[in-house]
Amino acid sequence: MRTLTLLALLLACTAFATEDTEENRVKEVERYLNLVPVAEMMSDITDSMSSTLPLDQQAFLRKVMQEHFDVDLLTETMKDAMVRNFTLEEIRALADFYEQPVAKSAMEKSTRMMGEIMPVIQREAERAVQAALAQQEAANAGE
């Protein structure tokens, strides 16, 4: 009897499980994007990027991004990429996470953290490129 009950419960859970289809992924991605609006994300990223610039250039970057950055294009691109790359379960887990107040707090802190580490990333990228160019020049000179 216990086995039959367990089997019935398992079948019932399977029957109510949402199938991992493109249509269902799109619905969950739309739920996710309502919780994590791309326009807000880009505003946060712009603030983070501009904080690494001299004061006289910060307002210009914000204006350029607000007036000329195609948020709708990025939103559609993100939507398509998420549908292609994540399972329904993964998208649902992301959306469920972002429904929690602690997630919003973590995202705000993450944006501030990126603003703090972005100058180091930029300096290191520039240093790495300069080192590679110097190495290439030395190799070319030795030929």
Protein backbone atom coordinates (compact mmCIF):
# COMPACT_ATOMS: atom_id res chain seq x y z
CA MET A 1 0.00 0.00 0.00
CA ARG A 2 2.83 2.40 0.89
CA THR A 3 4.46 1.74 -2.50
CA LEU A 4 1.19 2.47 -4.32
CA THR A 5 0.77 5.75 -2.44
CA LEU A 6 4.33 6.76 -3.23
CA LEU A 7 3.85 5.85 -6.89
CA ALA A 8 0.58 7.82 -7.06
CA LEU A 9 2.28 10.84 -5.47
CA LEU A 10 5.16 10.62 -7.91
CA LEU A 11 2.79 10.43 -10.87
CA ALA A 12 0.78 13.37 -9.55
CA CYS A 13 3.94 15.48 -9.20
CA THR A 14 5.01 14.56 -12.71
CA ALA A 15 1.61 15.46 -14.09
CA PHE A 16 1.80 18.93 -12.55
CA ALA A 17 5.40 19.54 -13.61
CA THR A 18 5.76 22.14 -16.31
CA GLU A 19 7.31 20.81 -19.48
CA ASP A 20 10.62 22.40 -20.52
CA THR A 21 9.51 23.93 -23.81
CA GLU A 22 10.59 27.12 -25.55
CA GLU A 23 7.16 28.63 -24.85
CA ASN A 24 7.45 27.92 -21.12
CA ARG A 25 11.02 29.23 -21.05
CA VAL A 26 9.87 32.46 -22.70
CA LYS A 27 7.16 32.90 -20.05
CA GLU A 28 9.67 32.40 -17.24
CA VAL A 29 12.21 34.73 -18.87
CA GLU A 30 9.50 37.39 -19.10
CA ARG A 31 8.79 36.89 -15.39
CA TYR A 32 12.53 37.20 -14.68
CA LEU A 33 12.85 40.37 -16.78
CA ASN A 34 9.90 41.92 -14.93
CA LEU A 35 11.79 41.31 -11.70
CA VAL A 36 15.15 42.43 -13.10
CA PRO A 37 14.33 45.16 -15.64
CA VAL A 38 17.07 45.67 -18.18
CA ALA A 39 16.64 49.46 -18.09
CA GLU A 40 17.35 49.50 -14.34
CA MET A 41 20.27 47.11 -14.79
CA MET A 42 21.78 49.36 -17.49
CA SER A 43 21.28 52.43 -15.33
CA ASP A 44 23.17 50.71 -12.51
CA ILE A 45 25.92 49.59 -14.89
CA THR A 46 26.19 53.11 -16.31
CA ASP A 47 26.48 54.56 -12.81
CA SER A 48 29.16 52.01 -12.02
CA MET A 49 31.05 52.72 -15.25
CA SER A 50 30.80 56.47 -14.87
CA SER A 51 32.16 56.35 -11.34
CA THR A 52 35.50 55.28 -12.83
CA LEU A 53 35.70 58.40 -15.00
CA PRO A 54 36.82 61.92 -14.14
CA LEU A 55 33.93 64.02 -12.79
CA ASP A 56 33.68 66.15 -15.94
CA GLN A 57 33.03 63.01 -18.06
CA GLN A 58 30.54 61.23 -15.78
CA ALA A 59 27.46 63.26 -16.79
CA PHE A 60 28.35 62.90 -20.47
CA LEU A 61 28.52 59.10 -20.24
CA ARG A 62 25.18 58.96 -18.41
CA LYS A 63 23.57 61.19 -21.05
CA VAL A 64 24.99 59.15 -23.94
CA MET A 65 23.79 55.88 -22.42
CA GLN A 66 20.32 57.25 -21.62
CA GLU A 67 19.80 58.81 -25.03
CA HIS A 68 21.50 56.38 -27.37
CA PHE A 69 21.68 52.92 -25.77
CA ASP A 70 18.99 50.61 -27.20
CA VAL A 71 17.57 48.98 -24.06
CA ASP A 72 14.84 47.23 -26.08
CA LEU A 73 17.46 45.57 -28.27
CA LEU A 74 19.41 44.40 -25.22
CA THR A 75 16.20 43.14 -23.57
CA GLU A 76 15.29 41.06 -26.63
CA THR A 77 18.86 39.79 -26.94
CA MET A 78 18.91 38.76 -23.28
CA LYS A 79 15.52 37.11 -23.62
CA ASP A 80 16.61 35.08 -26.65
CA ALA A 81 19.94 34.13 -25.06
CA MET A 82 18.32 33.05 -21.81
CA VAL A 83 15.75 30.91 -23.63
CA ARG A 84 18.54 29.24 -25.66
CA ASN A 85 21.04 28.73 -22.84
CA PHE A 86 19.04 27.99 -19.68
CA THR A 87 16.64 25.22 -18.82
CA LEU A 88 13.16 26.05 -17.59
CA GLU A 89 14.20 24.99 -14.10
CA GLU A 90 17.23 27.32 -14.16
CA ILE A 91 15.20 30.30 -15.39
CA ARG A 92 12.54 29.62 -12.77
CA ALA A 93 15.21 29.41 -10.06
CA LEU A 94 16.65 32.78 -11.12
CA ALA A 95 13.22 34.41 -11.14
CA ASP A 96 12.33 32.84 -7.79
CA PHE A 97 15.58 34.16 -6.34
CA TYR A 98 14.98 37.70 -7.58
CA GLU A 99 11.50 37.71 -6.06
CA GLN A 100 13.14 37.70 -2.64
CA PRO A 101 13.97 41.05 -1.00
CA VAL A 102 17.45 39.79 -0.11
CA ALA A 103 18.18 39.34 -3.83
CA LYS A 104 17.42 42.99 -4.58
CA SER A 105 19.74 44.01 -1.75
CA ALA A 106 22.46 41.70 -3.05
CA MET A 107 22.12 43.10 -6.57
CA GLU A 108 22.46 46.68 -5.34
CA LYS A 109 25.59 45.71 -3.43
CA SER A 110 26.90 43.79 -6.42
CA THR A 111 26.60 46.89 -8.59
CA ARG A 112 28.49 48.98 -6.04
CA MET A 113 31.12 46.25 -5.77
CA MET A 114 31.56 46.22 -9.56
CA GLY A 115 32.07 49.98 -9.45
CA GLU A 116 34.87 49.44 -6.96
CA ILE A 117 36.64 46.69 -8.89
CA MET A 118 36.09 48.01 -12.43
CA PRO A 119 39.12 50.37 -12.29
CA VAL A 120 41.35 47.42 -11.34
CA ILE A 121 39.92 45.31 -14.17
CA GLN A 122 40.48 48.14 -16.65
CA ARG A 123 44.05 48.78 -15.46
CA GLU A 124 44.91 45.09 -15.57
CA ALA A 125 43.41 44.67 -19.05
CA GLU A 126 45.42 47.63 -20.30
CA ARG A 127 48.59 46.30 -18.62
CA ALA A 128 48.04 42.84 -20.11
CA VAL A 129 47.56 44.26 -23.61
CA GLN A 130 50.66 46.44 -23.27
CA ALA A 131 52.70 43.45 -22.05
CA ALA A 132 51.48 41.32 -24.97
CA LEU A 133 52.29 44.08 -27.47
CA ALA A 134 55.78 44.53 -25.99
CA GLN A 135 56.34 40.78 -26.15
CA GLN A 136 55.20 40.71 -29.77
CA GLU A 137 57.45 43.65 -30.67
CA ALA A 138 60.43 41.92 -29.02
CA ALA A 139 59.67 38.72 -30.93
CA ASN A 140 59.38 40.65 -34.20
CA ALA A 141 62.65 42.48 -33.53
CA GLY A 142 64.44 39.18 -32.95
CA GLU A 143 63.41 37.75 -36.32
